[in-house]
Amino acid sequence: HQALRAFTWPDRRIRGHGNGNSLDPVLSALRTCPQLQEVDIISKYASAAAMADLQHSALQSLRLVLNMDRWLPVTNGIRQGLCRVGKLTLCIEDDETTIFLYELDGFWLRAVGDFVEALSAAIQLDNNSHLTTIEIQFQREGSIGITAAASLASALTDNRTLCEFSMTNAKFVAESYDAFSAMLSANR
């Protein structure tokens, strides 16, 4: 499509219809739209790889609503320098079953920490000259421990291409404030 500039797809299908990755061909086709600038995908059904492949496109803005188990290919793409998107928004959500399982064993808190550490490692390498803005939105409150917070502060200190970074619904432990103070002092 020659004129399409923005595309939003809320993949809210009827249960029992379609196979698990039936959205993947739509996501692949988006990469061939030359004028496309903004993409917003909300899907529990698209494969993690197909969603991560969208960051290889020269989009101004990409917003992905991901289940907690689908963020790793996205952070790997950033770490490998494959992200050509200007603004990347990652909304981390879970369905009720996954949330229930996370709450049983405290997995949600560990998963949030793992995500923040993986993202920190990815942006610390500073391999993505196009990526100037990252927004992280947790569907529900995520507590960030000292290790993950220190990793994030260190990554933001080292990264020279990010101009904007934000996290919504994140709680940091008080001990992590020193690491962020040092990061802000170093980025004068």
N, C-alpha and C. Protein backbone atom coordinates (compact mmCIF):
# COMPACT_ATOMS: atom_id res chain seq x y z
N HIS A 1 0.85 -1.17 0.00
CA HIS A 1 0.00 0.00 0.00
C HIS A 1 0.89 1.23 0.00
N GLN A 2 0.71 2.11 -0.94
CA GLN A 2 1.61 3.24 -1.14
C GLN A 2 1.37 4.43 -0.21
N ALA A 3 0.15 4.62 0.30
CA ALA A 3 -0.15 5.83 1.08
C ALA A 3 -0.33 5.57 2.58
N LEU A 4 -0.38 4.34 3.00
CA LEU A 4 -0.65 4.00 4.40
C LEU A 4 0.48 4.52 5.31
N ARG A 5 0.11 5.39 6.27
CA ARG A 5 1.10 5.97 7.17
C ARG A 5 1.02 5.41 8.58
N ALA A 6 -0.16 5.00 9.01
CA ALA A 6 -0.34 4.49 10.38
C ALA A 6 -1.21 3.24 10.33
N PHE A 7 -0.89 2.28 11.19
CA PHE A 7 -1.62 1.01 11.21
C PHE A 7 -1.75 0.56 12.67
N THR A 8 -2.99 0.33 13.10
CA THR A 8 -3.26 -0.18 14.44
C THR A 8 -4.03 -1.48 14.30
N TRP A 9 -3.59 -2.50 15.03
CA TRP A 9 -4.24 -3.80 14.95
C TRP A 9 -4.45 -4.36 16.35
N PRO A 10 -5.68 -4.25 16.88
CA PRO A 10 -5.99 -4.92 18.16
C PRO A 10 -6.47 -6.33 17.87
N ASP A 11 -5.62 -7.30 18.02
CA ASP A 11 -5.93 -8.70 17.68
C ASP A 11 -6.77 -9.33 18.79
N ARG A 12 -8.04 -9.06 18.78
CA ARG A 12 -8.97 -9.58 19.78
C ARG A 12 -9.90 -10.58 19.10
N ARG A 13 -9.38 -11.72 18.79
CA ARG A 13 -10.16 -12.70 18.03
C ARG A 13 -11.09 -13.51 18.93
N ILE A 14 -12.02 -14.11 18.29
CA ILE A 14 -12.97 -14.99 18.97
C ILE A 14 -12.25 -16.28 19.32
N ARG A 15 -12.40 -16.72 20.56
CA ARG A 15 -11.73 -17.96 21.00
C ARG A 15 -12.09 -19.13 20.10
N GLY A 16 -11.08 -19.92 19.80
CA GLY A 16 -11.29 -21.12 19.00
C GLY A 16 -11.23 -20.88 17.50
N HIS A 17 -11.02 -19.64 17.07
CA HIS A 17 -10.95 -19.34 15.64
C HIS A 17 -9.54 -18.92 15.26
N GLY A 18 -9.01 -19.55 14.22
CA GLY A 18 -7.68 -19.20 13.74
C GLY A 18 -6.60 -19.95 14.49
N ASN A 19 -5.46 -20.13 13.80
CA ASN A 19 -4.35 -20.80 14.48
C ASN A 19 -3.55 -19.80 15.28
N GLY A 20 -2.61 -20.27 16.05
CA GLY A 20 -1.88 -19.43 16.99
C GLY A 20 -1.12 -18.26 16.38
N ASN A 21 -0.56 -18.43 15.19
CA ASN A 21 0.27 -17.37 14.61
C ASN A 21 -0.33 -16.81 13.33
N SER A 22 -1.65 -16.79 13.21
CA SER A 22 -2.28 -16.35 11.96
C SER A 22 -2.06 -14.87 11.68
N LEU A 23 -1.66 -14.08 12.66
CA LEU A 23 -1.38 -12.66 12.44
C LEU A 23 0.01 -12.44 11.83
N ASP A 24 0.88 -13.41 11.88
CA ASP A 24 2.25 -13.26 11.41
C ASP A 24 2.35 -12.76 9.96
N PRO A 25 1.55 -13.28 9.00
CA PRO A 25 1.65 -12.75 7.63
C PRO A 25 1.28 -11.26 7.54
N VAL A 26 0.35 -10.80 8.37
CA VAL A 26 -0.01 -9.38 8.39
C VAL A 26 1.19 -8.56 8.87
N LEU A 27 1.84 -9.02 9.92
CA LEU A 27 3.00 -8.30 10.45
C LEU A 27 4.15 -8.28 9.45
N SER A 28 4.36 -9.37 8.74
CA SER A 28 5.41 -9.41 7.71
C SER A 28 5.10 -8.45 6.58
N ALA A 29 3.84 -8.37 6.19
CA ALA A 29 3.44 -7.48 5.10
C ALA A 29 3.63 -6.01 5.46
N LEU A 30 3.50 -5.68 6.74
CA LEU A 30 3.69 -4.29 7.16
C LEU A 30 5.08 -3.77 6.82
N ARG A 31 6.05 -4.65 6.85
CA ARG A 31 7.43 -4.24 6.56
C ARG A 31 7.61 -3.81 5.11
N THR A 32 6.66 -4.15 4.24
CA THR A 32 6.78 -3.81 2.82
C THR A 32 6.06 -2.51 2.46
N CYS A 33 5.41 -1.85 3.41
CA CYS A 33 4.69 -0.60 3.16
C CYS A 33 5.67 0.57 3.25
N PRO A 34 6.02 1.20 2.14
CA PRO A 34 7.09 2.20 2.14
C PRO A 34 6.79 3.49 2.91
N GLN A 35 5.54 3.90 2.99
CA GLN A 35 5.19 5.16 3.64
C GLN A 35 4.79 4.99 5.10
N LEU A 36 4.73 3.77 5.57
CA LEU A 36 4.27 3.49 6.93
C LEU A 36 5.21 4.10 7.96
N GLN A 37 4.66 4.87 8.92
CA GLN A 37 5.45 5.54 9.93
C GLN A 37 5.15 5.09 11.35
N GLU A 38 3.89 4.71 11.62
CA GLU A 38 3.47 4.34 12.97
C GLU A 38 2.72 3.02 12.94
N VAL A 39 3.12 2.11 13.82
CA VAL A 39 2.46 0.81 13.94
C VAL A 39 2.18 0.55 15.40
N ASP A 40 0.97 0.08 15.66
CA ASP A 40 0.52 -0.23 17.02
C ASP A 40 -0.11 -1.62 16.96
N ILE A 41 0.54 -2.61 17.58
CA ILE A 41 0.06 -4.00 17.54
C ILE A 41 -0.26 -4.47 18.95
N ILE A 42 -1.47 -4.97 19.13
CA ILE A 42 -1.92 -5.55 20.39
C ILE A 42 -2.33 -6.98 20.08
N SER A 43 -1.53 -7.94 20.51
CA SER A 43 -1.83 -9.32 20.16
C SER A 43 -1.28 -10.30 21.18
N LYS A 44 -2.11 -11.26 21.52
CA LYS A 44 -1.66 -12.39 22.34
C LYS A 44 -1.34 -13.58 21.44
N TYR A 45 -1.58 -13.43 20.14
CA TYR A 45 -1.49 -14.58 19.24
C TYR A 45 -0.34 -14.52 18.26
N ALA A 46 0.15 -13.35 17.92
CA ALA A 46 1.27 -13.26 16.99
C ALA A 46 2.52 -13.86 17.63
N SER A 47 3.36 -14.43 16.81
CA SER A 47 4.59 -15.00 17.36
C SER A 47 5.50 -13.87 17.83
N ALA A 48 6.30 -14.17 18.84
CA ALA A 48 7.24 -13.18 19.37
C ALA A 48 8.22 -12.75 18.29
N ALA A 49 8.64 -13.68 17.44
CA ALA A 49 9.60 -13.37 16.38
C ALA A 49 9.00 -12.40 15.37
N ALA A 50 7.74 -12.59 14.99
CA ALA A 50 7.10 -11.70 14.02
C ALA A 50 6.94 -10.29 14.59
N MET A 51 6.61 -10.21 15.88
CA MET A 51 6.48 -8.89 16.50
C MET A 51 7.85 -8.21 16.60
N ALA A 52 8.86 -8.97 16.95
CA ALA A 52 10.21 -8.40 17.07
C ALA A 52 10.75 -7.96 15.71
N ASP A 53 10.37 -8.66 14.63
CA ASP A 53 10.84 -8.31 13.29
C ASP A 53 10.38 -6.92 12.86
N LEU A 54 9.28 -6.44 13.44
CA LEU A 54 8.79 -5.11 13.08
C LEU A 54 9.80 -4.01 13.45
N GLN A 55 10.63 -4.25 14.45
CA GLN A 55 11.59 -3.22 14.84
C GLN A 55 12.70 -3.05 13.81
N HIS A 56 12.78 -3.94 12.82
CA HIS A 56 13.77 -3.82 11.75
C HIS A 56 13.32 -2.81 10.70
N SER A 57 12.06 -2.37 10.76
CA SER A 57 11.51 -1.42 9.81
C SER A 57 11.90 0.00 10.21
N ALA A 58 12.01 0.87 9.22
CA ALA A 58 12.36 2.27 9.50
C ALA A 58 11.11 3.06 9.86
N LEU A 59 10.49 2.71 10.97
CA LEU A 59 9.28 3.38 11.44
C LEU A 59 9.65 4.51 12.37
N GLN A 60 8.81 5.54 12.41
CA GLN A 60 9.01 6.58 13.41
C GLN A 60 8.58 6.08 14.78
N SER A 61 7.52 5.27 14.82
CA SER A 61 6.97 4.83 16.10
C SER A 61 6.43 3.41 15.99
N LEU A 62 6.83 2.57 16.94
CA LEU A 62 6.34 1.20 17.02
C LEU A 62 5.90 0.94 18.45
N ARG A 63 4.64 0.52 18.61
CA ARG A 63 4.11 0.17 19.93
C ARG A 63 3.67 -1.29 19.89
N LEU A 64 4.26 -2.09 20.75
CA LEU A 64 3.93 -3.50 20.84
C LEU A 64 3.38 -3.80 22.22
N VAL A 65 2.21 -4.43 22.27
CA VAL A 65 1.66 -4.92 23.53
C VAL A 65 2.00 -6.39 23.57
N LEU A 66 2.91 -6.75 24.49
CA LEU A 66 3.47 -8.10 24.55
C LEU A 66 3.09 -8.79 25.85
N ASN A 67 2.90 -10.09 25.78
CA ASN A 67 2.81 -10.88 27.00
C ASN A 67 4.21 -10.96 27.58
N MET A 68 4.29 -11.21 28.87
CA MET A 68 5.59 -11.23 29.55
C MET A 68 6.54 -12.26 28.94
N ASP A 69 6.01 -13.30 28.32
CA ASP A 69 6.89 -14.32 27.76
C ASP A 69 7.34 -14.01 26.33
N ARG A 70 7.01 -12.83 25.79
CA ARG A 70 7.36 -12.53 24.40
C ARG A 70 8.32 -11.36 24.23
N TRP A 71 8.89 -10.85 25.30
CA TRP A 71 9.75 -9.68 25.20
C TRP A 71 11.18 -10.00 24.81
N LEU A 72 11.64 -11.22 25.03
CA LEU A 72 13.05 -11.55 24.81
C LEU A 72 13.51 -11.31 23.37
N PRO A 73 12.75 -11.72 22.33
CA PRO A 73 13.22 -11.42 20.97
C PRO A 73 13.34 -9.92 20.69
N VAL A 74 12.51 -9.11 21.31
CA VAL A 74 12.60 -7.65 21.11
C VAL A 74 13.88 -7.12 21.74
N THR A 75 14.17 -7.51 22.98
CA THR A 75 15.40 -7.01 23.61
C THR A 75 16.64 -7.56 22.90
N ASN A 76 16.56 -8.79 22.37
CA ASN A 76 17.68 -9.33 21.61
C ASN A 76 17.94 -8.52 20.34
N GLY A 77 16.85 -8.10 19.68
CA GLY A 77 17.00 -7.28 18.47
C GLY A 77 17.67 -5.95 18.78
N ILE A 78 17.30 -5.35 19.90
CA ILE A 78 17.93 -4.09 20.30
C ILE A 78 19.41 -4.32 20.60
N ARG A 79 19.70 -5.39 21.35
CA ARG A 79 21.09 -5.70 21.71
C ARG A 79 21.95 -5.93 20.48
N GLN A 80 21.37 -6.56 19.44
CA GLN A 80 22.12 -6.87 18.23
C GLN A 80 22.21 -5.70 17.25
N GLY A 81 21.60 -4.56 17.61
CA GLY A 81 21.66 -3.39 16.74
C GLY A 81 20.70 -3.45 15.56
N LEU A 82 19.65 -4.25 15.67
CA LEU A 82 18.71 -4.42 14.57
C LEU A 82 17.52 -3.47 14.61
N CYS A 83 17.40 -2.69 15.65
CA CYS A 83 16.24 -1.81 15.81
C CYS A 83 16.45 -0.53 15.01
N ARG A 84 15.57 -0.30 14.03
CA ARG A 84 15.64 0.89 13.18
C ARG A 84 14.49 1.85 13.46
N VAL A 85 13.76 1.59 14.54
CA VAL A 85 12.61 2.40 14.92
C VAL A 85 13.08 3.61 15.71
N GLY A 86 12.42 4.75 15.53
CA GLY A 86 12.76 5.94 16.29
C GLY A 86 12.23 5.88 17.72
N LYS A 87 10.95 5.56 17.86
CA LYS A 87 10.33 5.48 19.19
C LYS A 87 9.75 4.08 19.35
N LEU A 88 10.20 3.38 20.39
CA LEU A 88 9.73 2.03 20.68
C LEU A 88 8.99 2.05 22.01
N THR A 89 7.72 1.65 21.97
CA THR A 89 6.92 1.54 23.18
C THR A 89 6.59 0.07 23.38
N LEU A 90 6.96 -0.46 24.54
CA LEU A 90 6.67 -1.85 24.88
C LEU A 90 5.70 -1.85 26.06
N CYS A 91 4.52 -2.41 25.84
CA CYS A 91 3.51 -2.55 26.89
C CYS A 91 3.52 -4.01 27.31
N ILE A 92 3.89 -4.25 28.54
CA ILE A 92 4.01 -5.62 29.03
C ILE A 92 2.73 -5.98 29.78
N GLU A 93 2.03 -6.99 29.27
CA GLU A 93 0.79 -7.42 29.90
C GLU A 93 0.77 -8.93 30.01
N ASP A 94 -0.22 -9.44 30.71
CA ASP A 94 -0.41 -10.88 30.84
C ASP A 94 -1.89 -11.18 30.86
N ASP A 95 -2.21 -12.39 30.43
CA ASP A 95 -3.59 -12.82 30.58
C ASP A 95 -3.79 -13.31 32.01
N GLU A 96 -5.05 -13.53 32.39
CA GLU A 96 -5.35 -13.88 33.78
C GLU A 96 -4.63 -15.15 34.25
N THR A 97 -4.52 -16.13 33.39
CA THR A 97 -3.88 -17.39 33.77
C THR A 97 -2.41 -17.17 34.11
N THR A 98 -1.71 -16.42 33.27
CA THR A 98 -0.29 -16.18 33.51
C THR A 98 -0.10 -15.34 34.75
N ILE A 99 -0.93 -14.31 34.92
CA ILE A 99 -0.82 -13.47 36.12
C ILE A 99 -1.03 -14.31 37.36
N PHE A 100 -2.03 -15.20 37.34
CA PHE A 100 -2.30 -16.05 38.49
C PHE A 100 -1.08 -16.91 38.81
N LEU A 101 -0.46 -17.48 37.78
CA LEU A 101 0.72 -18.32 38.01
C LEU A 101 1.88 -17.49 38.55
N TYR A 102 2.08 -16.30 38.01
CA TYR A 102 3.15 -15.44 38.50
C TYR A 102 2.93 -15.08 39.96
N GLU A 103 1.70 -14.77 40.33
CA GLU A 103 1.42 -14.38 41.71
C GLU A 103 1.65 -15.53 42.67
N LEU A 104 1.36 -16.75 42.24
CA LEU A 104 1.54 -17.90 43.12
C LEU A 104 2.96 -18.00 43.64
N ASP A 105 3.92 -17.87 42.75
CA ASP A 105 5.32 -18.08 43.14
C ASP A 105 6.16 -16.81 43.09
N GLY A 106 5.55 -15.67 42.99
CA GLY A 106 6.31 -14.43 42.88
C GLY A 106 6.99 -14.29 41.53
N PHE A 107 6.53 -15.03 40.52
CA PHE A 107 7.16 -14.98 39.20
C PHE A 107 7.04 -13.61 38.55
N TRP A 108 5.93 -12.91 38.80
CA TRP A 108 5.75 -11.60 38.16
C TRP A 108 6.90 -10.67 38.53
N LEU A 109 7.25 -10.64 39.82
CA LEU A 109 8.33 -9.75 40.26
C LEU A 109 9.66 -10.15 39.64
N ARG A 110 9.94 -11.44 39.59
CA ARG A 110 11.19 -11.90 38.96
C ARG A 110 11.17 -11.62 37.46
N ALA A 111 10.02 -11.80 36.81
CA ALA A 111 9.91 -11.56 35.37
C ALA A 111 10.12 -10.09 35.05
N VAL A 112 9.58 -9.18 35.86
CA VAL A 112 9.79 -7.75 35.66
C VAL A 112 11.28 -7.42 35.79
N GLY A 113 11.93 -7.96 36.82
CA GLY A 113 13.36 -7.74 37.00
C GLY A 113 14.17 -8.29 35.84
N ASP A 114 13.82 -9.49 35.37
CA ASP A 114 14.52 -10.08 34.23
C ASP A 114 14.37 -9.22 32.98
N PHE A 115 13.15 -8.73 32.76
CA PHE A 115 12.90 -7.87 31.60
C PHE A 115 13.75 -6.60 31.67
N VAL A 116 13.76 -5.94 32.82
CA VAL A 116 14.52 -4.69 32.97
C VAL A 116 16.01 -4.95 32.78
N GLU A 117 16.52 -6.06 33.31
CA GLU A 117 17.94 -6.37 33.13
C GLU A 117 18.27 -6.67 31.67
N ALA A 118 17.41 -7.40 30.97
CA ALA A 118 17.65 -7.70 29.55
C ALA A 118 17.60 -6.42 28.71
N LEU A 119 16.64 -5.56 28.99
CA LEU A 119 16.55 -4.30 28.27
C LEU A 119 17.77 -3.43 28.56
N SER A 120 18.20 -3.41 29.81
CA SER A 120 19.39 -2.64 30.19
C SER A 120 20.62 -3.11 29.43
N ALA A 121 20.82 -4.41 29.38
CA ALA A 121 21.96 -4.97 28.65
C ALA A 121 21.89 -4.60 27.17
N ALA A 122 20.67 -4.56 26.63
CA ALA A 122 20.50 -4.24 25.21
C ALA A 122 20.82 -2.79 24.92
N ILE A 123 20.33 -1.87 25.74
CA ILE A 123 20.56 -0.45 25.43
C ILE A 123 21.95 0.02 25.84
N GLN A 124 22.60 -0.71 26.73
CA GLN A 124 23.94 -0.32 27.16
C GLN A 124 24.94 -0.41 26.01
N LEU A 125 24.70 -1.34 25.09
CA LEU A 125 25.61 -1.52 23.96
C LEU A 125 25.53 -0.36 22.97
N ASP A 126 24.42 0.39 22.99
CA ASP A 126 24.28 1.59 22.17
C ASP A 126 24.48 1.29 20.69
N ASN A 127 23.87 0.20 20.22
CA ASN A 127 24.04 -0.24 18.83
C ASN A 127 22.96 0.27 17.88
N ASN A 128 22.03 1.07 18.35
CA ASN A 128 20.87 1.44 17.54
C ASN A 128 20.79 2.95 17.39
N SER A 129 21.41 3.48 16.37
CA SER A 129 21.47 4.93 16.20
C SER A 129 20.10 5.55 15.91
N HIS A 130 19.16 4.79 15.41
CA HIS A 130 17.83 5.30 15.11
C HIS A 130 16.96 5.40 16.36
N LEU A 131 17.20 4.54 17.34
CA LEU A 131 16.34 4.44 18.52
C LEU A 131 16.63 5.59 19.49
N THR A 132 15.73 6.58 19.53
CA THR A 132 15.94 7.73 20.40
C THR A 132 14.98 7.77 21.58
N THR A 133 13.90 6.99 21.52
CA THR A 133 12.90 7.01 22.59
C THR A 133 12.45 5.59 22.92
N ILE A 134 12.46 5.26 24.21
CA ILE A 134 11.91 3.99 24.68
C ILE A 134 10.92 4.29 25.79
N GLU A 135 9.73 3.73 25.65
CA GLU A 135 8.72 3.81 26.71
C GLU A 135 8.36 2.39 27.11
N ILE A 136 8.38 2.12 28.40
CA ILE A 136 7.99 0.82 28.93
C ILE A 136 6.73 1.05 29.77
N GLN A 137 5.70 0.27 29.48
CA GLN A 137 4.44 0.39 30.22
C GLN A 137 4.08 -1.00 30.74
N PHE A 138 4.09 -1.14 32.06
CA PHE A 138 3.66 -2.40 32.66
C PHE A 138 2.16 -2.34 32.87
N GLN A 139 1.47 -3.40 32.49
CA GLN A 139 0.01 -3.45 32.65
C GLN A 139 -0.38 -3.29 34.10
N ARG A 140 0.39 -3.91 34.96
CA ARG A 140 0.14 -3.76 36.38
C ARG A 140 1.46 -3.45 37.05
N GLU A 141 1.40 -2.97 38.25
CA GLU A 141 2.58 -2.49 38.94
C GLU A 141 3.71 -3.52 38.96
N GLY A 142 4.89 -3.07 38.60
CA GLY A 142 6.05 -3.94 38.63
C GLY A 142 7.11 -3.35 39.54
N SER A 143 7.57 -4.12 40.51
CA SER A 143 8.61 -3.66 41.43
C SER A 143 9.97 -3.99 40.84
N ILE A 144 10.84 -2.99 40.81
CA ILE A 144 12.17 -3.14 40.25
C ILE A 144 13.16 -3.16 41.40
N GLY A 145 13.85 -4.27 41.56
CA GLY A 145 14.82 -4.42 42.64
C GLY A 145 16.10 -3.66 42.36
N ILE A 146 17.00 -3.67 43.33
CA ILE A 146 18.25 -2.90 43.25
C ILE A 146 19.14 -3.37 42.10
N THR A 147 19.21 -4.66 41.86
CA THR A 147 20.08 -5.16 40.78
C THR A 147 19.60 -4.68 39.43
N ALA A 148 18.30 -4.83 39.16
CA ALA A 148 17.75 -4.39 37.87
C ALA A 148 17.82 -2.88 37.75
N ALA A 149 17.55 -2.16 38.83
CA ALA A 149 17.60 -0.69 38.79
C ALA A 149 19.03 -0.20 38.53
N ALA A 150 20.01 -0.83 39.18
CA ALA A 150 21.41 -0.44 38.97
C ALA A 150 21.83 -0.73 37.53
N SER A 151 21.38 -1.86 36.98
CA SER A 151 21.68 -2.18 35.57
C SER A 151 21.09 -1.15 34.63
N LEU A 152 19.85 -0.75 34.90
CA LEU A 152 19.19 0.24 34.06
C LEU A 152 19.90 1.60 34.15
N ALA A 153 20.23 2.03 35.35
CA ALA A 153 20.92 3.32 35.53
C ALA A 153 22.27 3.31 34.82
N SER A 154 22.99 2.20 34.92
CA SER A 154 24.28 2.08 34.25
C SER A 154 24.12 2.13 32.73
N ALA A 155 23.11 1.43 32.22
CA ALA A 155 22.87 1.41 30.78
C ALA A 155 22.52 2.80 30.27
N LEU A 156 21.69 3.51 31.01
CA LEU A 156 21.31 4.87 30.60
C LEU A 156 22.50 5.83 30.67
N THR A 157 23.44 5.57 31.56
CA THR A 157 24.65 6.39 31.64
C THR A 157 25.51 6.17 30.40
N ASP A 158 25.66 4.92 29.98
CA ASP A 158 26.52 4.58 28.86
C ASP A 158 25.92 4.90 27.49
N ASN A 159 24.60 4.82 27.37
CA ASN A 159 23.93 5.01 26.09
C ASN A 159 24.00 6.47 25.67
N ARG A 160 24.37 6.71 24.41
CA ARG A 160 24.51 8.08 23.91
C ARG A 160 23.46 8.44 22.85
N THR A 161 22.58 7.52 22.48
CA THR A 161 21.60 7.82 21.44
C THR A 161 20.19 8.03 21.97
N LEU A 162 19.87 7.45 23.12
CA LEU A 162 18.53 7.64 23.68
C LEU A 162 18.36 9.07 24.18
N CYS A 163 17.28 9.70 23.75
CA CYS A 163 16.96 11.06 24.21
C CYS A 163 15.83 11.04 25.23
N GLU A 164 14.96 10.02 25.15
CA GLU A 164 13.84 9.91 26.06
C GLU A 164 13.70 8.46 26.53
N PHE A 165 13.46 8.30 27.83
CA PHE A 165 13.22 6.98 28.40
C PHE A 165 12.18 7.15 29.50
N SER A 166 11.15 6.30 29.48
CA SER A 166 10.15 6.36 30.55
C SER A 166 9.62 4.98 30.87
N MET A 167 9.21 4.82 32.12
CA MET A 167 8.58 3.58 32.60
C MET A 167 7.31 3.95 33.33
N THR A 168 6.22 3.28 32.97
CA THR A 168 4.94 3.51 33.62
C THR A 168 4.60 2.29 34.47
N ASN A 169 4.10 2.53 35.66
CA ASN A 169 3.69 1.48 36.59
C ASN A 169 4.88 0.72 37.16
N ALA A 170 6.02 1.37 37.25
CA ALA A 170 7.21 0.73 37.84
C ALA A 170 7.47 1.35 39.20
N LYS A 171 7.76 0.50 40.16
CA LYS A 171 8.16 0.95 41.50
C LYS A 171 9.61 0.56 41.71
N PHE A 172 10.43 1.52 42.12
CA PHE A 172 11.84 1.25 42.39
C PHE A 172 12.07 1.23 43.89
N VAL A 173 12.99 0.37 44.32
CA VAL A 173 13.37 0.35 45.73
C VAL A 173 14.17 1.62 46.02
N ALA A 174 14.06 2.14 47.23
CA ALA A 174 14.70 3.41 47.60
C ALA A 174 16.21 3.36 47.40
N GLU A 175 16.83 2.21 47.60
CA GLU A 175 18.28 2.09 47.46
C GLU A 175 18.74 2.34 46.02
N SER A 176 17.84 2.25 45.05
CA SER A 176 18.24 2.44 43.66
C SER A 176 18.34 3.91 43.28
N TYR A 177 17.85 4.80 44.13
CA TYR A 177 17.86 6.23 43.80
C TYR A 177 19.27 6.77 43.64
N ASP A 178 20.24 6.25 44.41
CA ASP A 178 21.62 6.69 44.27
C ASP A 178 22.16 6.38 42.87
N ALA A 179 21.82 5.20 42.35
CA ALA A 179 22.29 4.84 41.01
C ALA A 179 21.71 5.78 39.96
N PHE A 180 20.45 6.16 40.10
CA PHE A 180 19.85 7.08 39.13
C PHE A 180 20.38 8.51 39.31
N SER A 181 20.69 8.89 40.52
CA SER A 181 21.32 10.20 40.75
C SER A 181 22.67 10.27 40.06
N ALA A 182 23.46 9.20 40.17
CA ALA A 182 24.77 9.16 39.51
C ALA A 182 24.61 9.20 38.00
N MET A 183 23.60 8.49 37.46
CA MET A 183 23.35 8.48 36.03
C MET A 183 23.01 9.89 35.55
N LEU A 184 22.14 10.58 36.25
CA LEU A 184 21.74 11.91 35.85
C LEU A 184 22.91 12.90 35.94
N SER A 185 23.77 12.74 36.95
CA SER A 185 24.94 13.60 37.09
C SER A 185 25.93 13.39 35.96
N ALA A 186 26.07 12.13 35.50
CA ALA A 186 27.01 11.81 34.44
C ALA A 186 26.50 12.28 33.06
N ASN A 187 25.18 12.44 32.91
CA ASN A 187 24.59 12.83 31.63
C ASN A 187 24.31 14.33 31.56
N ARG A 188 25.28 15.13 31.92
CA ARG A 188 25.10 16.59 31.85
C ARG A 188 25.34 17.11 30.47
